[in-house]
Amino acid sequence: MENTKNYNIWIIGLTLLAFSAVFFLSAQNFSKQGSYVEVKGLSEKIVKADVAIWSINFEVKSNNVDSLYADIEKNVAAIKSFLKEKGFEESEINVAPVNTYQDTYKDALFRYNSTTQLSVYTKKVDLVKSASKETLVLVKKGIVMNQNSISFEFSDINSIKPEMLAEALKNAKDTAQKIAKESGSSLGGLHRGNQGVFDITDKDPGSPEYKKIRLVSTLSFLIK
């Protein structure tokens, strides 16, 4: 009976020893796999917008529905004529549905009020910027513009994406190599990476048609 008890103790001890050895080796291997440095790589680029969206809103007020309708048609025709004279195509000009409301306040100056929006969607970025400076002629024709704004956009991000990703990766790797060298280690392969988001902003307030594109990628490299 005593011999059987001692035998069981030996079996348990050997089993625990085996598990300890496996755990130790696994921990060592995990430690080696987990040795990495995380760095960020930056890439910035200035590009010119390739799309412009020009919005022109105007108001018409009247006490007569027929007069209101006539004035809206006259203003739409005048704005379209102005845009075509500047070089825009009919297909680039869009007219949104007219918004109207009736003012029932007894002392209201005008009973009927309306707002109409025209927009130009075009790739003629320079033409939009130059033509938008000449809208005073519309004011002289009695058109009351309550909005005259331009949005410049860069739509072809895929054309510069590979170049910027490569630059961000190179900058990140250069930083990782410096860190590895200073720590007396050598840099291994890429452990994992996060591409990051392409952030597009105006280059400056005076030239919104130029965009600054910024990419910050987060990358981890193994350390040996």
Protein backbone atom coordinates (compact mmCIF):
# COMPACT_ATOMS: atom_id res chain seq x y z
CA MET A 1 0.00 0.00 0.00
CA GLU A 2 2.83 2.35 0.91
CA ASN A 3 4.62 1.53 -2.35
CA THR A 4 1.49 2.32 -4.35
CA LYS A 5 1.15 5.66 -2.56
CA ASN A 6 4.79 6.58 -3.26
CA TYR A 7 4.35 5.54 -6.89
CA ASN A 8 1.34 7.86 -7.28
CA ILE A 9 3.28 10.74 -5.75
CA TRP A 10 6.10 10.16 -8.24
CA ILE A 11 3.62 10.13 -11.15
CA ILE A 12 2.03 13.40 -10.00
CA GLY A 13 5.45 15.01 -9.50
CA LEU A 14 6.68 14.00 -12.96
CA THR A 15 3.44 15.25 -14.53
CA LEU A 16 3.74 18.64 -12.81
CA LEU A 17 7.40 18.85 -13.88
CA ALA A 18 6.46 18.11 -17.48
CA PHE A 19 3.73 20.78 -17.44
CA SER A 20 6.17 23.28 -15.92
CA ALA A 21 8.71 22.62 -18.66
CA VAL A 22 6.12 23.02 -21.40
CA PHE A 23 4.83 26.24 -19.84
CA PHE A 24 8.37 27.62 -19.53
CA LEU A 25 9.22 26.89 -23.17
CA SER A 26 5.89 28.30 -24.34
CA ALA A 27 6.40 31.45 -22.30
CA GLN A 28 9.87 31.89 -23.78
CA ASN A 29 8.51 31.51 -27.28
CA PHE A 30 5.63 33.93 -26.55
CA SER A 31 8.10 36.46 -25.19
CA LYS A 32 10.16 36.29 -28.37
CA GLN A 33 7.06 36.66 -30.55
CA GLY A 34 5.83 39.53 -28.40
CA SER A 35 9.04 41.61 -28.64
CA TYR A 36 8.18 44.41 -30.99
CA VAL A 37 8.30 48.17 -31.30
CA GLU A 38 5.27 50.24 -32.33
CA VAL A 39 5.92 53.40 -34.33
CA LYS A 40 4.00 55.90 -36.45
CA GLY A 41 4.80 56.84 -40.04
CA LEU A 42 3.75 60.19 -41.51
CA SER A 43 3.08 61.15 -45.12
CA GLU A 44 1.84 64.55 -46.30
CA LYS A 45 1.05 65.78 -49.79
CA ILE A 46 -0.37 68.96 -51.35
CA VAL A 47 -2.75 68.36 -54.27
CA LYS A 48 -5.10 70.49 -56.33
CA ALA A 49 -8.83 69.83 -56.09
CA ASP A 50 -10.32 68.14 -59.15
CA VAL A 51 -13.99 68.91 -58.43
CA ALA A 52 -15.78 72.14 -57.55
CA ILE A 53 -19.35 72.49 -56.28
CA TRP A 54 -20.67 76.05 -56.56
CA SER A 55 -23.96 76.84 -54.78
CA ILE A 56 -25.99 79.97 -55.47
CA ASN A 57 -29.19 80.61 -53.48
CA PHE A 58 -31.54 83.52 -54.07
CA GLU A 59 -34.71 84.85 -52.46
CA VAL A 60 -37.86 86.15 -54.07
CA LYS A 61 -40.70 87.78 -52.10
CA SER A 62 -44.04 88.99 -53.36
CA ASN A 63 -47.68 89.51 -52.46
CA ASN A 64 -48.81 87.88 -55.67
CA VAL A 65 -48.23 84.22 -56.60
CA ASP A 66 -48.01 84.91 -60.34
CA SER A 67 -45.48 87.68 -59.77
CA LEU A 68 -43.46 85.41 -57.46
CA TYR A 69 -43.38 82.67 -60.09
CA ALA A 70 -42.35 85.09 -62.84
CA ASP A 71 -39.51 86.56 -60.78
CA ILE A 72 -38.18 83.10 -59.89
CA GLU A 73 -38.13 82.08 -63.57
CA LYS A 74 -36.46 85.36 -64.53
CA ASN A 75 -33.72 84.93 -61.88
CA VAL A 76 -33.05 81.30 -62.79
CA ALA A 77 -32.70 82.28 -66.46
CA ALA A 78 -30.36 85.17 -65.57
CA ILE A 79 -28.09 83.00 -63.42
CA LYS A 80 -28.00 80.22 -66.03
CA SER A 81 -27.14 82.75 -68.72
CA PHE A 82 -24.35 84.18 -66.57
CA LEU A 83 -22.89 80.72 -65.91
CA LYS A 84 -23.01 79.70 -69.57
CA GLU A 85 -21.33 82.95 -70.62
CA LYS A 86 -18.50 82.09 -68.22
CA GLY A 87 -18.01 78.71 -69.89
CA PHE A 88 -20.13 76.19 -67.98
CA GLU A 89 -22.25 73.61 -69.77
CA GLU A 90 -25.99 73.10 -69.29
CA SER A 91 -25.25 69.60 -67.96
CA GLU A 92 -23.11 71.09 -65.17
CA ILE A 93 -25.90 73.36 -63.90
CA ASN A 94 -28.62 72.01 -61.60
CA VAL A 95 -31.74 73.72 -60.22
CA ALA A 96 -33.20 72.38 -56.98
CA PRO A 97 -36.95 72.41 -56.24
CA VAL A 98 -38.17 75.82 -55.11
CA ASN A 99 -38.96 76.27 -51.41
CA THR A 100 -41.89 78.56 -50.70
CA TYR A 101 -43.78 79.57 -47.61
CA GLN A 102 -46.69 81.86 -46.85
CA ASP A 103 -46.34 84.46 -44.13
CA THR A 104 -49.74 84.78 -42.41
CA TYR A 105 -48.64 87.45 -39.96
CA LYS A 106 -51.07 90.36 -40.47
CA ASP A 107 -48.31 92.99 -40.62
CA ALA A 108 -46.00 90.94 -42.87
CA LEU A 109 -44.50 93.01 -45.66
CA PHE A 110 -44.70 90.09 -48.13
CA ARG A 111 -47.19 87.28 -48.10
CA TYR A 112 -45.23 84.87 -50.27
CA ASN A 113 -41.54 84.05 -49.78
CA SER A 114 -39.31 81.67 -51.71
CA THR A 115 -35.73 80.42 -51.85
CA THR A 116 -34.21 78.78 -54.90
CA GLN A 117 -30.87 77.00 -55.17
CA LEU A 118 -28.75 76.51 -58.26
CA SER A 119 -25.53 74.53 -58.18
CA VAL A 120 -22.66 73.87 -60.53
CA TYR A 121 -20.90 70.53 -60.28
CA THR A 122 -17.79 70.63 -62.45
CA LYS A 123 -14.16 69.70 -62.88
CA LYS A 124 -13.39 73.24 -64.11
CA VAL A 125 -11.89 74.27 -60.80
CA ASP A 126 -10.04 77.38 -62.01
CA LEU A 127 -13.09 78.60 -63.93
CA VAL A 128 -15.26 78.37 -60.83
CA LYS A 129 -12.80 80.38 -58.79
CA SER A 130 -12.54 83.16 -61.39
CA ALA A 131 -16.26 83.29 -62.30
CA SER A 132 -17.35 83.40 -58.65
CA LYS A 133 -15.59 86.76 -58.28
CA GLU A 134 -17.82 88.32 -60.94
CA THR A 135 -21.27 87.70 -59.46
CA LEU A 136 -21.79 91.41 -58.76
CA VAL A 137 -23.47 91.57 -62.15
CA LEU A 138 -26.26 89.36 -60.76
CA VAL A 139 -26.80 91.74 -57.86
CA LYS A 140 -27.14 94.59 -60.35
CA LYS A 141 -29.95 92.62 -62.00
CA GLY A 142 -31.86 92.59 -58.71
CA ILE A 143 -31.04 89.03 -57.69
CA VAL A 144 -30.85 88.78 -53.89
CA MET A 145 -28.33 86.02 -53.16
CA ASN A 146 -28.43 84.70 -49.61
CA GLN A 147 -25.72 82.13 -50.33
CA ASN A 148 -22.84 82.10 -52.79
CA SER A 149 -20.38 79.42 -51.73
CA ILE A 150 -17.91 76.98 -53.27
CA SER A 151 -16.73 73.61 -52.06
CA PHE A 152 -13.52 72.24 -53.58
CA GLU A 153 -12.91 68.50 -53.39
CA PHE A 154 -10.21 66.01 -54.31
CA SER A 155 -11.90 62.84 -55.50
CA ASP A 156 -9.03 60.73 -56.89
CA ILE A 157 -7.46 59.59 -53.60
CA ASN A 158 -6.60 56.20 -55.14
CA SER A 159 -4.12 57.86 -57.51
CA ILE A 160 -1.85 58.93 -54.63
CA LYS A 161 -2.72 56.25 -52.09
CA PRO A 162 0.12 53.77 -52.95
CA GLU A 163 2.75 56.52 -52.91
CA MET A 164 1.64 57.91 -49.55
CA LEU A 165 1.36 54.47 -47.95
CA ALA A 166 4.89 53.63 -49.14
CA GLU A 167 6.23 56.90 -47.69
CA ALA A 168 4.46 56.35 -44.36
CA LEU A 169 5.84 52.79 -44.18
CA LYS A 170 9.38 53.97 -44.96
CA ASN A 171 9.26 56.72 -42.33
CA ALA A 172 7.90 54.29 -39.74
CA LYS A 173 10.57 51.69 -40.56
CA ASP A 174 13.36 54.32 -40.34
CA THR A 175 12.13 55.29 -36.88
CA ALA A 176 11.89 51.65 -35.78
CA GLN A 177 15.44 50.95 -36.99
CA LYS A 178 16.79 53.87 -34.95
CA ILE A 179 15.00 52.63 -31.85
CA ALA A 180 16.29 49.08 -32.38
CA LYS A 181 19.86 50.32 -32.88
CA GLU A 182 19.79 52.45 -29.75
CA SER A 183 18.52 49.50 -27.73
CA GLY A 184 21.22 47.15 -29.05
CA SER A 185 18.75 45.04 -31.02
CA SER A 186 18.09 44.37 -34.67
CA LEU A 187 14.87 45.03 -36.54
CA GLY A 188 12.80 42.11 -37.74
CA GLY A 189 9.81 41.92 -40.06
CA LEU A 190 6.50 43.71 -39.85
CA HIS A 191 4.45 42.43 -36.91
CA ARG A 192 1.19 44.22 -37.63
CA GLY A 193 0.01 47.50 -39.08
CA ASN A 194 -2.84 49.98 -39.19
CA GLN A 195 -3.01 51.96 -42.42
CA GLY A 196 -4.68 54.95 -40.78
CA VAL A 197 -7.13 57.46 -42.30
CA PHE A 198 -6.46 59.92 -45.12
CA ASP A 199 -7.24 63.35 -43.67
CA ILE A 200 -8.02 66.06 -46.27
CA THR A 201 -8.04 69.74 -45.30
CA ASP A 202 -7.62 73.08 -47.07
CA LYS A 203 -4.00 74.03 -47.61
CA ASP A 204 -4.80 77.54 -46.36
CA PRO A 205 -7.83 79.90 -46.23
CA GLY A 206 -6.66 81.88 -49.28
CA SER A 207 -6.41 78.91 -51.65
CA PRO A 208 -9.08 76.35 -50.72
CA GLU A 209 -8.70 74.69 -54.14
CA TYR A 210 -5.42 73.22 -52.86
CA LYS A 211 -5.74 70.41 -50.35
CA LYS A 212 -3.32 69.03 -47.78
CA ILE A 213 -3.63 65.28 -47.48
CA ARG A 214 -2.20 63.73 -44.33
CA LEU A 215 -1.77 60.07 -43.47
CA VAL A 216 -0.49 58.66 -40.17
CA SER A 217 0.03 54.89 -40.19
CA THR A 218 0.70 52.86 -37.03
CA LEU A 219 3.07 49.92 -37.55
CA SER A 220 4.70 47.34 -35.30
CA PHE A 221 8.04 45.69 -36.14
CA LEU A 222 9.55 42.65 -34.45
CA ILE A 223 12.73 43.17 -32.43
CA LYS A 224 15.45 40.49 -32.40
